[in-house]
């Protein structure tokens, strides 16, 4: 990947969510340390009064098991005082769901490769 290329992604959220759509941008990608930092740049949380909504993902290899890892997810945010109640929308749950899906996908690929 080109050093100056910072990918952006458009996200569409489930119907029950008060956040219908937002765009996020990778603001830091450190492949050696396995750290990715993503910030919402349009819509979603910004429309709910958030001045900042940042997700940091750090992938840490499990000791003694190079085929397995843990993902440490951190959400940092800044919110207007008038919108303080919207802090209730901050949740790590969507990241858990994504991590589980990735894990299942990687297991399937590994099983396919072994067959």
PDB file of N, CA and C in Angstrom:
ATOM      1  N   UNK A   1       0.846  -1.165   0.000  1.00  0.00           N
ATOM      2  CA  UNK A   1       0.000   0.000   0.000  1.00  0.00           C
ATOM      3  C   UNK A   1       0.898   1.237   0.000  1.00  0.00           C
ATOM      4  N   UNK A   2       0.539   2.234  -0.754  1.00  0.00           N
ATOM      5  CA  UNK A   2       1.261   3.497  -0.837  1.00  0.00           C
ATOM      6  C   UNK A   2       1.228   4.187   0.535  1.00  0.00           C
ATOM      7  N   UNK A   3       2.360   4.735   0.976  1.00  0.00           N
ATOM      8  CA  UNK A   3       2.431   5.356   2.293  1.00  0.00           C
ATOM      9  C   UNK A   3       1.453   6.516   2.460  1.00  0.00           C
ATOM     10  N   UNK A   4       1.163   7.238   1.404  1.00  0.00           N
ATOM     11  CA  UNK A   4       0.301   8.408   1.491  1.00  0.00           C
ATOM     12  C   UNK A   4      -1.180   8.085   1.322  1.00  0.00           C
ATOM     13  N   UNK A   5      -1.513   6.860   1.037  1.00  0.00           N
ATOM     14  CA  UNK A   5      -2.902   6.474   0.812  1.00  0.00           C
ATOM     15  C   UNK A   5      -3.569   6.162   2.146  1.00  0.00           C
ATOM     16  N   UNK A   6      -4.612   6.904   2.493  1.00  0.00           N
ATOM     17  CA  UNK A   6      -5.391   6.650   3.705  1.00  0.00           C
ATOM     18  C   UNK A   6      -6.788   6.260   3.255  1.00  0.00           C
ATOM     19  N   UNK A   7      -7.151   4.976   3.420  1.00  0.00           N
ATOM     20  CA  UNK A   7      -8.462   4.524   2.949  1.00  0.00           C
ATOM     21  C   UNK A   7      -9.611   5.118   3.745  1.00  0.00           C
ATOM     22  N   UNK A   8     -10.737   5.319   3.069  1.00  0.00           N
ATOM     23  CA  UNK A   8     -11.972   5.752   3.702  1.00  0.00           C
ATOM     24  C   UNK A   8     -13.022   4.694   3.439  1.00  0.00           C
ATOM     25  N   UNK A   9     -13.978   4.594   4.334  1.00  0.00           N
ATOM     26  CA  UNK A   9     -15.013   3.593   4.206  1.00  0.00           C
ATOM     27  C   UNK A   9     -16.354   4.223   4.547  1.00  0.00           C
ATOM     28  N   UNK A  10     -17.367   3.883   3.785  1.00  0.00           N
ATOM     29  CA  UNK A  10     -18.725   4.320   4.087  1.00  0.00           C
ATOM     30  C   UNK A  10     -19.424   3.160   4.779  1.00  0.00           C
ATOM     31  N   UNK A  11     -20.087   3.452   5.889  1.00  0.00           N
ATOM     32  CA  UNK A  11     -20.723   2.415   6.694  1.00  0.00           C
ATOM     33  C   UNK A  11     -22.224   2.681   6.749  1.00  0.00           C
ATOM     34  N   UNK A  12     -23.022   1.646   6.500  1.00  0.00           N
ATOM     35  CA  UNK A  12     -24.475   1.729   6.651  1.00  0.00           C
ATOM     36  C   UNK A  12     -24.832   0.839   7.831  1.00  0.00           C
ATOM     37  N   UNK A  13     -25.591   1.385   8.776  1.00  0.00           N
ATOM     38  CA  UNK A  13     -25.865   0.711  10.039  1.00  0.00           C
ATOM     39  C   UNK A  13     -27.256   0.093  10.018  1.00  0.00           C
ATOM     40  N   UNK A  14     -27.487  -0.887  10.899  1.00  0.00           N
ATOM     41  CA  UNK A  14     -28.769  -1.592  11.001  1.00  0.00           C
ATOM     42  C   UNK A  14     -29.934  -0.626  11.226  1.00  0.00           C
ATOM     43  N   UNK A  15     -31.123  -1.056  10.838  1.00  0.00           N
ATOM     44  CA  UNK A  15     -32.318  -0.212  10.897  1.00  0.00           C
ATOM     45  C   UNK A  15     -32.650   0.302  12.291  1.00  0.00           C
ATOM     46  N   UNK A  16     -32.412  -0.457  13.328  1.00  0.00           N
ATOM     47  CA  UNK A  16     -32.804  -0.045  14.689  1.00  0.00           C
ATOM     48  C   UNK A  16     -31.858   0.980  15.296  1.00  0.00           C
ATOM     49  N   UNK A  17     -30.763   1.230  14.670  1.00  0.00           N
ATOM     50  CA  UNK A  17     -29.779   2.163  15.196  1.00  0.00           C
ATOM     51  C   UNK A  17     -30.181   3.607  14.900  1.00  0.00           C
ATOM     52  N   UNK A  18     -29.906   4.536  15.835  1.00  0.00           N
ATOM     53  CA  UNK A  18     -30.163   5.951  15.553  1.00  0.00           C
ATOM     54  C   UNK A  18     -29.133   6.513  14.566  1.00  0.00           C
ATOM     55  N   UNK A  19     -28.132   5.724  14.262  1.00  0.00           N
ATOM     56  CA  UNK A  19     -27.078   6.120  13.333  1.00  0.00           C
ATOM     57  C   UNK A  19     -27.305   5.363  12.036  1.00  0.00           C
ATOM     58  N   UNK A  20     -27.788   6.066  11.022  1.00  0.00           N
ATOM     59  CA  UNK A  20     -28.145   5.405   9.766  1.00  0.00           C
ATOM     60  C   UNK A  20     -26.945   5.232   8.844  1.00  0.00           C
ATOM     61  N   UNK A  21     -25.997   6.163   8.915  1.00  0.00           N
ATOM     62  CA  UNK A  21     -24.908   6.153   7.952  1.00  0.00           C
ATOM     63  C   UNK A  21     -23.768   7.021   8.481  1.00  0.00           C
ATOM     64  N   UNK A  22     -22.546   6.634   8.184  1.00  0.00           N
ATOM     65  CA  UNK A  22     -21.401   7.499   8.468  1.00  0.00           C
ATOM     66  C   UNK A  22     -20.215   7.061   7.624  1.00  0.00           C
ATOM     67  N   UNK A  23     -19.261   7.982   7.485  1.00  0.00           N
ATOM     68  CA  UNK A  23     -18.012   7.669   6.797  1.00  0.00           C
ATOM     69  C   UNK A  23     -16.910   7.697   7.836  1.00  0.00           C
ATOM     70  N   UNK A  24     -15.985   6.747   7.698  1.00  0.00           N
ATOM     71  CA  UNK A  24     -14.841   6.726   8.589  1.00  0.00           C
ATOM     72  C   UNK A  24     -13.565   6.685   7.751  1.00  0.00           C
ATOM     73  N   UNK A  25     -12.493   7.125   8.375  1.00  0.00           N
ATOM     74  CA  UNK A  25     -11.213   7.217   7.688  1.00  0.00           C
ATOM     75  C   UNK A  25     -10.131   6.628   8.588  1.00  0.00           C
ATOM     76  N   UNK A  26      -9.258   5.820   8.010  1.00  0.00           N
ATOM     77  CA  UNK A  26      -8.104   5.323   8.749  1.00  0.00           C
ATOM     78  C   UNK A  26      -7.128   6.495   8.877  1.00  0.00           C
ATOM     79  N   UNK A  27      -6.850   6.921  10.107  1.00  0.00           N
ATOM     80  CA  UNK A  27      -5.938   8.039  10.320  1.00  0.00           C
ATOM     81  C   UNK A  27      -4.542   7.567  10.690  1.00  0.00           C
ATOM     82  N   UNK A  28      -4.424   6.303  11.068  1.00  0.00           N
ATOM     83  CA  UNK A  28      -3.114   5.740  11.382  1.00  0.00           C
ATOM     84  C   UNK A  28      -3.147   4.252  11.070  1.00  0.00           C
ATOM     85  N   UNK A  29      -2.132   3.810  10.358  1.00  0.00           N
ATOM     86  CA  UNK A  29      -1.961   2.384  10.097  1.00  0.00           C
ATOM     87  C   UNK A  29      -0.507   2.055  10.375  1.00  0.00           C
ATOM     88  N   UNK A  30      -0.264   1.272  11.401  1.00  0.00           N
ATOM     89  CA  UNK A  30       1.105   0.888  11.762  1.00  0.00           C
ATOM     90  C   UNK A  30       1.170  -0.634  11.684  1.00  0.00           C
ATOM     91  N   UNK A  31       1.620  -1.137  10.541  1.00  0.00           N
ATOM     92  CA  UNK A  31       1.605  -2.578  10.312  1.00  0.00           C
ATOM     93  C   UNK A  31       2.546  -3.344  11.232  1.00  0.00           C
ATOM     94  N   UNK A  32       3.700  -2.798  11.559  1.00  0.00           N
ATOM     95  CA  UNK A  32       4.633  -3.510  12.441  1.00  0.00           C
ATOM     96  C   UNK A  32       4.053  -3.702  13.832  1.00  0.00           C
ATOM     97  N   UNK A  33       3.423  -2.662  14.355  1.00  0.00           N
ATOM     98  CA  UNK A  33       2.828  -2.744  15.696  1.00  0.00           C
ATOM     99  C   UNK A  33       1.401  -3.277  15.652  1.00  0.00           C
ATOM    100  N   UNK A  34       0.874  -3.480  14.436  1.00  0.00           N
ATOM    101  CA  UNK A  34      -0.491  -3.975  14.226  1.00  0.00           C
ATOM    102  C   UNK A  34      -1.529  -3.072  14.887  1.00  0.00           C
ATOM    103  N   UNK A  35      -1.414  -1.781  14.616  1.00  0.00           N
ATOM    104  CA  UNK A  35      -2.344  -0.794  15.164  1.00  0.00           C
ATOM    105  C   UNK A  35      -3.031  -0.068  14.011  1.00  0.00           C
ATOM    106  N   UNK A  36      -4.344   0.057  14.124  1.00  0.00           N
ATOM    107  CA  UNK A  36      -5.154   0.812  13.159  1.00  0.00           C
ATOM    108  C   UNK A  36      -5.988   1.803  13.956  1.00  0.00           C
ATOM    109  N   UNK A  37      -6.026   3.053  13.492  1.00  0.00           N
ATOM    110  CA  UNK A  37      -6.839   4.075  14.125  1.00  0.00           C
ATOM    111  C   UNK A  37      -7.817   4.609  13.084  1.00  0.00           C
ATOM    112  N   UNK A  38      -9.085   4.638  13.453  1.00  0.00           N
ATOM    113  CA  UNK A  38     -10.159   5.021  12.543  1.00  0.00           C
ATOM    114  C   UNK A  38     -10.953   6.148  13.191  1.00  0.00           C
ATOM    115  N   UNK A  39     -11.287   7.189  12.402  1.00  0.00           N
ATOM    116  CA  UNK A  39     -12.109   8.286  12.913  1.00  0.00           C
ATOM    117  C   UNK A  39     -13.320   8.481  12.010  1.00  0.00           C
ATOM    118  N   UNK A  40     -14.460   8.782  12.624  1.00  0.00           N
ATOM    119  CA  UNK A  40     -15.652   9.127  11.858  1.00  0.00           C
ATOM    120  C   UNK A  40     -15.428  10.540  11.314  1.00  0.00           C
ATOM    121  N   UNK A  41     -15.627  10.699   9.999  1.00  0.00           N
ATOM    122  CA  UNK A  41     -15.390  11.996   9.359  1.00  0.00           C
ATOM    123  C   UNK A  41     -16.662  12.630   8.803  1.00  0.00           C
ATOM    124  N   UNK A  42     -17.757  11.870   8.769  1.00  0.00           N
ATOM    125  CA  UNK A  42     -19.003  12.413   8.220  1.00  0.00           C
ATOM    126  C   UNK A  42     -20.188  11.614   8.751  1.00  0.00           C
ATOM    127  N   UNK A  43     -21.264  12.321   9.068  1.00  0.00           N
ATOM    128  CA  UNK A  43     -22.519  11.672   9.456  1.00  0.00           C
ATOM    129  C   UNK A  43     -22.458  10.998  10.816  1.00  0.00           C
ATOM    130  N   UNK A  44     -23.388  10.087  11.033  1.00  0.00           N
ATOM    131  CA  UNK A  44     -23.431   9.242  12.226  1.00  0.00           C
ATOM    132  C   UNK A  44     -23.240   9.957  13.543  1.00  0.00           C
ATOM    133  N   UNK A  45     -22.172   9.572  14.238  1.00  0.00           N
ATOM    134  CA  UNK A  45     -21.897  10.117  15.563  1.00  0.00           C
ATOM    135  C   UNK A  45     -21.725  11.635  15.533  1.00  0.00           C
ATOM    136  N   UNK A  46     -21.173  12.165  14.456  1.00  0.00           N
ATOM    137  CA  UNK A  46     -20.989  13.614  14.358  1.00  0.00           C
ATOM    138  C   UNK A  46     -22.332  14.336  14.345  1.00  0.00           C
ATOM    139  N   UNK A  47     -23.346  13.707  13.756  1.00  0.00           N
ATOM    140  CA  UNK A  47     -24.685  14.300  13.740  1.00  0.00           C
ATOM    141  C   UNK A  47     -25.393  14.200  15.088  1.00  0.00           C
ATOM    142  N   UNK A  48     -24.870  13.367  15.981  1.00  0.00           N
ATOM    143  CA  UNK A  48     -25.447  13.208  17.321  1.00  0.00           C
ATOM    144  C   UNK A  48     -24.742  14.086  18.351  1.00  0.00           C
ATOM    145  N   UNK A  49     -23.893  15.012  17.901  1.00  0.00           N
ATOM    146  CA  UNK A  49     -23.237  15.934  18.817  1.00  0.00           C
ATOM    147  C   UNK A  49     -21.825  15.559  19.204  1.00  0.00           C
ATOM    148  N   UNK A  50     -21.290  14.480  18.637  1.00  0.00           N
ATOM    149  CA  UNK A  50     -19.914  14.098  18.920  1.00  0.00           C
ATOM    150  C   UNK A  50     -18.976  14.991  18.111  1.00  0.00           C
ATOM    151  N   UNK A  51     -17.946  15.507  18.763  1.00  0.00           N
ATOM    152  CA  UNK A  51     -16.912  16.275  18.066  1.00  0.00           C
ATOM    153  C   UNK A  51     -15.823  15.342  17.550  1.00  0.00           C
ATOM    154  N   UNK A  52     -15.695  14.199  18.199  1.00  0.00           N
ATOM    155  CA  UNK A  52     -14.682  13.204  17.843  1.00  0.00           C
ATOM    156  C   UNK A  52     -15.235  11.824  18.163  1.00  0.00           C
ATOM    157  N   UNK A  53     -15.028  10.883  17.259  1.00  0.00           N
ATOM    158  CA  UNK A  53     -15.348   9.480  17.517  1.00  0.00           C
ATOM    159  C   UNK A  53     -14.242   8.670  16.858  1.00  0.00           C
ATOM    160  N   UNK A  54     -13.360   8.106  17.680  1.00  0.00           N
ATOM    161  CA  UNK A  54     -12.166   7.425  17.200  1.00  0.00           C
ATOM    162  C   UNK A  54     -12.096   6.007  17.760  1.00  0.00           C
ATOM    163  N   UNK A  55     -11.782   5.060  16.890  1.00  0.00           N
ATOM    164  CA  UNK A  55     -11.618   3.660  17.284  1.00  0.00           C
ATOM    165  C   UNK A  55     -10.166   3.266  17.039  1.00  0.00           C
ATOM    166  N   UNK A  56      -9.544   2.692  18.050  1.00  0.00           N
ATOM    167  CA  UNK A  56      -8.183   2.180  17.906  1.00  0.00           C
ATOM    168  C   UNK A  56      -8.245   0.660  18.058  1.00  0.00           C
ATOM    169  N   UNK A  57      -7.673  -0.029  17.088  1.00  0.00           N
ATOM    170  CA  UNK A  57      -7.609  -1.493  17.107  1.00  0.00           C
ATOM    171  C   UNK A  57      -6.148  -1.902  17.194  1.00  0.00           C
ATOM    172  N   UNK A  58      -5.837  -2.739  18.161  1.00  0.00           N
ATOM    173  CA  UNK A  58      -4.485  -3.259  18.307  1.00  0.00           C
ATOM    174  C   UNK A  58      -4.569  -4.773  18.341  1.00  0.00           C
ATOM    175  N   UNK A  59      -3.854  -5.417  17.440  1.00  0.00           N
ATOM    176  CA  UNK A  59      -3.873  -6.877  17.357  1.00  0.00           C
ATOM    177  C   UNK A  59      -2.617  -7.401  18.032  1.00  0.00           C
ATOM    178  N   UNK A  60      -2.817  -8.237  19.043  1.00  0.00           N
ATOM    179  CA  UNK A  60      -1.704  -8.768  19.826  1.00  0.00           C
ATOM    180  C   UNK A  60      -1.691 -10.285  19.697  1.00  0.00           C
ATOM    181  N   UNK A  61      -0.562 -10.796  19.231  1.00  0.00           N
ATOM    182  CA  UNK A  61      -0.399 -12.244  19.078  1.00  0.00           C
ATOM    183  C   UNK A  61      -0.385 -12.894  20.462  1.00  0.00           C
ATOM    184  N   UNK A  62      -1.107 -14.001  20.605  1.00  0.00           N
ATOM    185  CA  UNK A  62      -1.119 -14.720  21.875  1.00  0.00           C
ATOM    186  C   UNK A  62       0.223 -15.405  22.075  1.00  0.00           C
ATOM    187  N   UNK A  63       0.753 -15.302  23.286  1.00  0.00           N
ATOM    188  CA  UNK A  63       2.044 -15.926  23.591  1.00  0.00           C
ATOM    189  C   UNK A  63       1.950 -17.433  23.404  1.00  0.00           C
ATOM    190  N   UNK A  64       2.940 -17.967  22.703  1.00  0.00           N
ATOM    191  CA  UNK A  64       3.004 -19.405  22.503  1.00  0.00           C
ATOM    192  C   UNK A  64       2.071 -19.927  21.424  1.00  0.00           C
ATOM    193  N   UNK A  65       1.325 -19.048  20.764  1.00  0.00           N
ATOM    194  CA  UNK A  65       0.384 -19.479  19.733  1.00  0.00           C
ATOM    195  C   UNK A  65       0.365 -18.449  18.605  1.00  0.00           C
ATOM    196  N   UNK A  66       1.253 -18.620  17.648  1.00  0.00           N
ATOM    197  CA  UNK A  66       1.382 -17.638  16.570  1.00  0.00           C
ATOM    198  C   UNK A  66       0.192 -17.651  15.607  1.00  0.00           C
ATOM    199  N   UNK A  67      -0.701 -18.629  15.749  1.00  0.00           N
ATOM    200  CA  UNK A  67      -1.865 -18.685  14.863  1.00  0.00           C
ATOM    201  C   UNK A  67      -3.108 -18.060  15.506  1.00  0.00           C
ATOM    202  N   UNK A  68      -2.934 -17.438  16.664  1.00  0.00           N
ATOM    203  CA  UNK A  68      -4.069 -16.867  17.375  1.00  0.00           C
ATOM    204  C   UNK A  68      -3.686 -15.490  17.914  1.00  0.00           C
ATOM    205  N   UNK A  69      -4.682 -14.619  18.046  1.00  0.00           N
ATOM    206  CA  UNK A  69      -4.401 -13.275  18.545  1.00  0.00           C
ATOM    207  C   UNK A  69      -5.601 -12.701  19.299  1.00  0.00           C
ATOM    208  N   UNK A  70      -5.335 -11.646  20.026  1.00  0.00           N
ATOM    209  CA  UNK A  70      -6.377 -10.877  20.707  1.00  0.00           C
ATOM    210  C   UNK A  70      -6.469  -9.523  20.034  1.00  0.00           C
ATOM    211  N   UNK A  71      -7.654  -8.948  20.031  1.00  0.00           N
ATOM    212  CA  UNK A  71      -7.845  -7.611  19.503  1.00  0.00           C
ATOM    213  C   UNK A  71      -8.242  -6.703  20.664  1.00  0.00           C
ATOM    214  N   UNK A  72      -7.437  -5.679  20.890  1.00  0.00           N
ATOM    215  CA  UNK A  72      -7.774  -4.686  21.900  1.00  0.00           C
ATOM    216  C   UNK A  72      -8.425  -3.522  21.170  1.00  0.00           C
ATOM    217  N   UNK A  73      -9.648  -3.219  21.535  1.00  0.00           N
ATOM    218  CA  UNK A  73     -10.419  -2.146  20.894  1.00  0.00           C
ATOM    219  C   UNK A  73     -10.642  -1.034  21.900  1.00  0.00           C
ATOM    220  N   UNK A  74     -10.360   0.183  21.478  1.00  0.00           N
ATOM    221  CA  UNK A  74     -10.558   1.353  22.331  1.00  0.00           C
ATOM    222  C   UNK A  74     -11.382   2.370  21.558  1.00  0.00           C
ATOM    223  N   UNK A  75     -12.378   2.952  22.225  1.00  0.00           N
ATOM    224  CA  UNK A  75     -13.174   4.013  21.618  1.00  0.00           C
ATOM    225  C   UNK A  75     -12.921   5.292  22.408  1.00  0.00           C
ATOM    226  N   UNK A  76     -12.453   6.312  21.707  1.00  0.00           N
ATOM    227  CA  UNK A  76     -12.279   7.635  22.294  1.00  0.00           C
ATOM    228  C   UNK A  76     -13.310   8.554  21.655  1.00  0.00           C
ATOM    229  N   UNK A  77     -13.919   9.416  22.472  1.00  0.00           N
ATOM    230  CA  UNK A  77     -14.891  10.342  21.899  1.00  0.00           C
ATOM    231  C   UNK A  77     -14.936  11.626  22.700  1.00  0.00           C
ATOM    232  N   UNK A  78     -15.358  12.682  22.026  1.00  0.00           N
ATOM    233  CA  UNK A  78     -15.641  13.968  22.641  1.00  0.00           C
ATOM    234  C   UNK A  78     -17.067  14.318  22.258  1.00  0.00           C
ATOM    235  N   UNK A  79     -17.793  14.846  23.217  1.00  0.00           N
ATOM    236  CA  UNK A  79     -19.220  15.081  23.029  1.00  0.00           C
ATOM    237  C   UNK A  79     -19.605  16.443  23.573  1.00  0.00           C
ATOM    238  N   UNK A  80     -20.464  17.174  22.847  1.00  0.00           N
ATOM    239  CA  UNK A  80     -21.000  18.444  23.340  1.00  0.00           C
ATOM    240  C   UNK A  80     -21.779  18.193  24.628  1.00  0.00           C
ATOM    241  N   UNK A  81     -21.722  19.140  25.552  1.00  0.00           N
ATOM    242  CA  UNK A  81     -22.479  18.995  26.800  1.00  0.00           C
ATOM    243  C   UNK A  81     -23.970  18.843  26.538  1.00  0.00           C
ATOM    244  N   UNK A  82     -24.473  19.564  25.565  1.00  0.00           N
ATOM    245  CA  UNK A  82     -25.907  19.507  25.250  1.00  0.00           C
ATOM    246  C   UNK A  82     -26.328  18.131  24.744  1.00  0.00           C
ATOM    247  N   UNK A  83     -25.376  17.360  24.254  1.00  0.00           N
ATOM    248  CA  UNK A  83     -25.671  16.027  23.706  1.00  0.00           C
ATOM    249  C   UNK A  83     -25.140  14.908  24.597  1.00  0.00           C
ATOM    250  N   UNK A  84     -24.853  15.218  25.856  1.00  0.00           N
ATOM    251  CA  UNK A  84     -24.216  14.260  26.763  1.00  0.00           C
ATOM    252  C   UNK A  84     -24.966  12.929  26.868  1.00  0.00           C
ATOM    253  N   UNK A  85     -26.286  12.953  26.765  1.00  0.00           N
ATOM    254  CA  UNK A  85     -27.063  11.711  26.852  1.00  0.00           C
ATOM    255  C   UNK A  85     -26.735  10.743  25.712  1.00  0.00           C
ATOM    256  N   UNK A  86     -26.224  11.263  24.606  1.00  0.00           N
ATOM    257  CA  UNK A  86     -25.894  10.408  23.454  1.00  0.00           C
ATOM    258  C   UNK A  86     -24.667   9.527  23.688  1.00  0.00           C
ATOM    259  N   UNK A  87     -23.986   9.737  24.807  1.00  0.00           N
ATOM    260  CA  UNK A  87     -22.858   8.857  25.143  1.00  0.00           C
ATOM    261  C   UNK A  87     -23.330   7.410  25.284  1.00  0.00           C
ATOM    262  N   UNK A  88     -24.614   7.224  25.537  1.00  0.00           N
ATOM    263  CA  UNK A  88     -25.178   5.871  25.653  1.00  0.00           C
ATOM    264  C   UNK A  88     -25.060   5.092  24.344  1.00  0.00           C
ATOM    265  N   UNK A  89     -24.875   5.782  23.223  1.00  0.00           N
ATOM    266  CA  UNK A  89     -24.747   5.093  21.928  1.00  0.00           C
ATOM    267  C   UNK A  89     -23.355   4.529  21.701  1.00  0.00           C
ATOM    268  N   UNK A  90     -22.386   4.899  22.533  1.00  0.00           N
ATOM    269  CA  UNK A  90     -21.021   4.396  22.395  1.00  0.00           C
ATOM    270  C   UNK A  90     -20.998   2.953  22.885  1.00  0.00           C
ATOM    271  N   UNK A  91     -20.585   2.053  22.016  1.00  0.00           N
ATOM    272  CA  UNK A  91     -20.577   0.635  22.365  1.00  0.00           C
ATOM    273  C   UNK A  91     -19.479  -0.096  21.594  1.00  0.00           C
ATOM    274  N   UNK A  92     -18.874  -1.036  22.247  1.00  0.00           N
ATOM    275  CA  UNK A  92     -17.858  -1.875  21.630  1.00  0.00           C
ATOM    276  C   UNK A  92     -18.503  -3.070  20.913  1.00  0.00           C
ATOM    277  N   UNK A  93     -19.800  -3.275  21.110  1.00  0.00           N
ATOM    278  CA  UNK A  93     -20.509  -4.438  20.565  1.00  0.00           C
ATOM    279  C   UNK A  93     -20.341  -4.605  19.052  1.00  0.00           C
ATOM    280  N   UNK A  94     -20.483  -3.548  18.233  1.00  0.00           N
ATOM    281  CA  UNK A  94     -20.289  -3.756  16.794  1.00  0.00           C
ATOM    282  C   UNK A  94     -18.893  -4.286  16.461  1.00  0.00           C
ATOM    283  N   UNK A  95     -17.893  -3.838  17.231  1.00  0.00           N
ATOM    284  CA  UNK A  95     -16.530  -4.327  16.994  1.00  0.00           C
ATOM    285  C   UNK A  95     -16.397  -5.802  17.380  1.00  0.00           C
ATOM    286  N   UNK A  96     -17.092  -6.213  18.429  1.00  0.00           N
ATOM    287  CA  UNK A  96     -17.094  -7.623  18.823  1.00  0.00           C
ATOM    288  C   UNK A  96     -17.682  -8.489  17.715  1.00  0.00           C
ATOM    289  N   UNK A  97     -18.784  -8.035  17.144  1.00  0.00           N
ATOM    290  CA  UNK A  97     -19.452  -8.790  16.081  1.00  0.00           C
ATOM    291  C   UNK A  97     -18.525  -8.922  14.866  1.00  0.00           C
ATOM    292  N   UNK A  98     -17.858  -7.829  14.507  1.00  0.00           N
ATOM    293  CA  UNK A  98     -16.931  -7.863  13.374  1.00  0.00           C
ATOM    294  C   UNK A  98     -15.764  -8.803  13.660  1.00  0.00           C
ATOM    295  N   UNK A  99     -15.199  -8.723  14.862  1.00  0.00           N
ATOM    296  CA  UNK A  99     -14.070  -9.588  15.230  1.00  0.00           C
ATOM    297  C   UNK A  99     -14.468 -11.064  15.172  1.00  0.00           C
ATOM    298  N   UNK A 100     -15.666 -11.387  15.659  1.00  0.00           N
ATOM    299  CA  UNK A 100     -16.140 -12.774  15.607  1.00  0.00           C
ATOM    300  C   UNK A 100     -16.305 -13.241  14.164  1.00  0.00           C
ATOM    301  N   UNK A 101     -16.851 -12.389  13.315  1.00  0.00           N
ATOM    302  CA  UNK A 101     -17.030 -12.747  11.902  1.00  0.00           C
ATOM    303  C   UNK A 101     -15.683 -12.971  11.220  1.00  0.00           C
ATOM    304  N   UNK A 102     -14.718 -12.118  11.514  1.00  0.00           N
ATOM    305  CA  UNK A 102     -13.381 -12.291  10.937  1.00  0.00           C
ATOM    306  C   UNK A 102     -12.767 -13.597  11.420  1.00  0.00           C
ATOM    307  N   UNK A 103     -12.914 -13.890  12.704  1.00  0.00           N
ATOM    308  CA  UNK A 103     -12.384 -15.138  13.255  1.00  0.00           C
ATOM    309  C   UNK A 103     -12.988 -16.359  12.583  1.00  0.00           C
ATOM    310  N   UNK A 104     -14.303 -16.344  12.379  1.00  0.00           N
ATOM    311  CA  UNK A 104     -14.970 -17.468  11.710  1.00  0.00           C
ATOM    312  C   UNK A 104     -14.469 -17.608  10.273  1.00  0.00           C
ATOM    313  N   UNK A 105     -14.324 -16.487   9.582  1.00  0.00           N
ATOM    314  CA  UNK A 105     -13.838 -16.499   8.201  1.00  0.00           C
ATOM    315  C   UNK A 105     -12.425 -17.092   8.126  1.00  0.00           C
ATOM    316  N   UNK A 106     -11.546 -16.659   9.031  1.00  0.00           N
ATOM    317  CA  UNK A 106     -10.172 -17.158   9.015  1.00  0.00           C
ATOM    318  C   UNK A 106     -10.108 -18.651   9.339  1.00  0.00           C
ATOM    319  N   UNK A 107     -10.959 -19.107  10.258  1.00  0.00           N
ATOM    320  CA  UNK A 107     -11.007 -20.539  10.569  1.00  0.00           C
ATOM    321  C   UNK A 107     -11.455 -21.348   9.362  1.00  0.00           C
ATOM    322  N   UNK A 108     -12.469 -20.835   8.645  1.00  0.00           N
ATOM    323  CA  UNK A 108     -12.948 -21.522   7.439  1.00  0.00           C
ATOM    324  C   UNK A 108     -11.854 -21.596   6.382  1.00  0.00           C
ATOM    325  N   UNK A 109     -11.130 -20.500   6.194  1.00  0.00           N
ATOM    326  CA  UNK A 109     -10.041 -20.477   5.210  1.00  0.00           C
ATOM    327  C   UNK A 109      -8.949 -21.470   5.593  1.00  0.00           C
ATOM    328  N   UNK A 110      -8.653 -21.543   6.891  1.00  0.00           N
ATOM    329  CA  UNK A 110      -7.629 -22.466   7.374  1.00  0.00           C
ATOM    330  C   UNK A 110      -8.076 -23.905   7.142  1.00  0.00           C
ATOM    331  N   UNK A 111      -9.349 -24.183   7.442  1.00  0.00           N
ATOM    332  CA  UNK A 111      -9.879 -25.536   7.227  1.00  0.00           C
ATOM    333  C   UNK A 111      -9.869 -25.899   5.749  1.00  0.00           C
ATOM    334  N   UNK A 112     -10.247 -24.951   4.883  1.00  0.00           N
ATOM    335  CA  UNK A 112     -10.231 -25.197   3.433  1.00  0.00           C
ATOM    336  C   UNK A 112      -8.821 -25.478   2.951  1.00  0.00           C
ATOM    337  N   UNK A 113      -7.844 -24.765   3.489  1.00  0.00           N
ATOM    338  CA  UNK A 113      -6.456 -24.952   3.079  1.00  0.00           C
ATOM    339  C   UNK A 113      -5.917 -26.314   3.511  1.00  0.00           C
ATOM    340  N   UNK A 114      -6.422 -26.809   4.637  1.00  0.00           N
ATOM    341  CA  UNK A 114      -5.972 -28.108   5.150  1.00  0.00           C
ATOM    342  C   UNK A 114      -6.653 -29.288   4.470  1.00  0.00           C
ATOM    343  N   UNK A 115      -7.732 -29.043   3.754  1.00  0.00           N
ATOM    344  CA  UNK A 115      -8.466 -30.134   3.082  1.00  0.00           C
ATOM    345  C   UNK A 115      -8.055 -30.297   1.664  1.00  0.00           C
TER     346      UNK A 115
END
